[in-house]
Amino acid sequence: MEGVISVVDHDAPIDLIHYVAARARLDSAIAAWNHRATTTRAPPS
């Protein structure tokens, strides 16, 4: 069991989990920003 824990703690899986989580937050932030930009844009006059 210690071997599995050490692999998860000190190798790529944790980095991959952090990357996926950060990417998901970034994507949701971009989507929210784009939605806000499209809904608050002044109508053409």
N, C-alpha and C. Protein backbone atom coordinates (compact mmCIF):
# COMPACT_ATOMS: atom_id res chain seq x y z
N MET A 1 0.83 -1.21 0.00
CA MET A 1 0.00 0.00 0.00
C MET A 1 0.86 1.25 0.00
N GLU A 2 1.98 1.21 0.75
CA GLU A 2 2.85 2.38 0.76
C GLU A 2 3.38 2.69 -0.63
N GLY A 3 3.64 1.64 -1.42
CA GLY A 3 4.13 1.86 -2.77
C GLY A 3 3.13 2.61 -3.63
N VAL A 4 1.88 2.25 -3.50
CA VAL A 4 0.84 2.93 -4.28
C VAL A 4 0.74 4.38 -3.85
N ILE A 5 0.77 4.61 -2.54
CA ILE A 5 0.67 5.98 -2.03
C ILE A 5 1.84 6.82 -2.51
N SER A 6 3.07 6.23 -2.47
CA SER A 6 4.24 7.01 -2.88
C SER A 6 4.17 7.35 -4.37
N VAL A 7 3.67 6.41 -5.17
CA VAL A 7 3.56 6.69 -6.60
C VAL A 7 2.56 7.82 -6.83
N VAL A 8 1.44 7.77 -6.13
CA VAL A 8 0.42 8.80 -6.32
C VAL A 8 0.90 10.14 -5.78
N ASP A 9 1.66 10.12 -4.67
CA ASP A 9 2.12 11.36 -4.07
C ASP A 9 3.24 12.02 -4.85
N HIS A 10 4.14 11.21 -5.44
CA HIS A 10 5.38 11.77 -5.98
C HIS A 10 5.50 11.63 -7.48
N ASP A 11 4.46 11.26 -8.17
CA ASP A 11 4.57 11.06 -9.61
C ASP A 11 3.46 11.82 -10.34
N ALA A 12 3.28 11.52 -11.59
CA ALA A 12 2.42 12.30 -12.47
C ALA A 12 0.94 12.34 -12.09
N PRO A 13 0.34 11.29 -11.51
CA PRO A 13 -1.11 11.34 -11.30
C PRO A 13 -1.59 12.59 -10.55
N ILE A 14 -0.89 13.01 -9.50
CA ILE A 14 -1.30 14.21 -8.77
C ILE A 14 -1.21 15.43 -9.68
N ASP A 15 -0.11 15.53 -10.44
CA ASP A 15 0.03 16.66 -11.35
C ASP A 15 -1.10 16.67 -12.37
N LEU A 16 -1.46 15.50 -12.86
CA LEU A 16 -2.54 15.42 -13.85
C LEU A 16 -3.86 15.84 -13.23
N ILE A 17 -4.12 15.41 -12.00
CA ILE A 17 -5.36 15.80 -11.31
C ILE A 17 -5.40 17.31 -11.13
N HIS A 18 -4.28 17.89 -10.69
CA HIS A 18 -4.23 19.34 -10.50
C HIS A 18 -4.42 20.06 -11.83
N TYR A 19 -3.81 19.54 -12.89
CA TYR A 19 -3.96 20.17 -14.21
C TYR A 19 -5.41 20.13 -14.67
N VAL A 20 -6.04 18.98 -14.52
CA VAL A 20 -7.43 18.85 -14.97
C VAL A 20 -8.34 19.78 -14.17
N ALA A 21 -8.12 19.85 -12.86
CA ALA A 21 -8.95 20.71 -12.02
C ALA A 21 -8.72 22.18 -12.38
N ALA A 22 -7.47 22.56 -12.58
CA ALA A 22 -7.19 23.95 -12.93
C ALA A 22 -7.76 24.28 -14.30
N ARG A 23 -7.66 23.35 -15.24
CA ARG A 23 -8.19 23.58 -16.57
C ARG A 23 -9.72 23.73 -16.53
N ALA A 24 -10.38 22.93 -15.70
CA ALA A 24 -11.83 23.03 -15.58
C ALA A 24 -12.23 24.39 -15.01
N ARG A 25 -11.48 24.85 -13.98
CA ARG A 25 -11.78 26.17 -13.42
C ARG A 25 -11.55 27.27 -14.45
N LEU A 26 -10.46 27.13 -15.23
CA LEU A 26 -10.16 28.14 -16.25
C LEU A 26 -11.25 28.16 -17.31
N ASP A 27 -11.67 26.99 -17.76
CA ASP A 27 -12.72 26.93 -18.78
C ASP A 27 -14.02 27.55 -18.28
N SER A 28 -14.38 27.27 -17.03
CA SER A 28 -15.62 27.83 -16.50
C SER A 28 -15.50 29.34 -16.33
N ALA A 29 -14.31 29.82 -15.95
CA ALA A 29 -14.11 31.26 -15.81
C ALA A 29 -14.21 31.95 -17.17
N ILE A 30 -13.62 31.34 -18.19
CA ILE A 30 -13.70 31.91 -19.53
C ILE A 30 -15.14 31.91 -20.03
N ALA A 31 -15.86 30.84 -19.77
CA ALA A 31 -17.26 30.77 -20.19
C ALA A 31 -18.08 31.85 -19.50
N ALA A 32 -17.84 32.05 -18.21
CA ALA A 32 -18.57 33.08 -17.47
C ALA A 32 -18.21 34.47 -18.01
N TRP A 33 -16.92 34.68 -18.29
CA TRP A 33 -16.48 35.97 -18.83
C TRP A 33 -17.14 36.23 -20.19
N ASN A 34 -17.13 35.23 -21.06
CA ASN A 34 -17.73 35.39 -22.38
C ASN A 34 -19.23 35.65 -22.28
N HIS A 35 -19.89 34.95 -21.36
CA HIS A 35 -21.33 35.15 -21.18
C HIS A 35 -21.61 36.56 -20.70
N ARG A 36 -20.81 37.04 -19.75
CA ARG A 36 -20.98 38.39 -19.22
C ARG A 36 -20.70 39.41 -20.32
N ALA A 37 -19.67 39.16 -21.13
CA ALA A 37 -19.33 40.10 -22.20
C ALA A 37 -20.45 40.19 -23.23
N THR A 38 -21.06 39.07 -23.56
CA THR A 38 -22.12 39.09 -24.58
C THR A 38 -23.41 39.67 -24.03
N THR A 39 -23.66 39.52 -22.73
CA THR A 39 -24.92 40.01 -22.17
C THR A 39 -24.82 41.48 -21.78
N THR A 40 -23.61 42.01 -21.58
CA THR A 40 -23.48 43.40 -21.15
C THR A 40 -23.04 44.30 -22.29
N ARG A 41 -22.84 43.74 -23.48
CA ARG A 41 -22.42 44.56 -24.62
C ARG A 41 -23.55 45.51 -25.01
N ALA A 42 -23.18 46.74 -25.31
CA ALA A 42 -24.19 47.72 -25.68
C ALA A 42 -24.79 47.35 -27.03
N PRO A 43 -26.08 47.48 -27.18
CA PRO A 43 -26.70 47.16 -28.47
C PRO A 43 -26.24 48.16 -29.54
N PRO A 44 -26.11 47.72 -30.77
CA PRO A 44 -25.69 48.64 -31.83
C PRO A 44 -26.74 49.72 -32.06
N SER A 45 -26.28 50.93 -32.27
CA SER A 45 -27.23 52.03 -32.43
C SER A 45 -27.28 52.48 -33.89
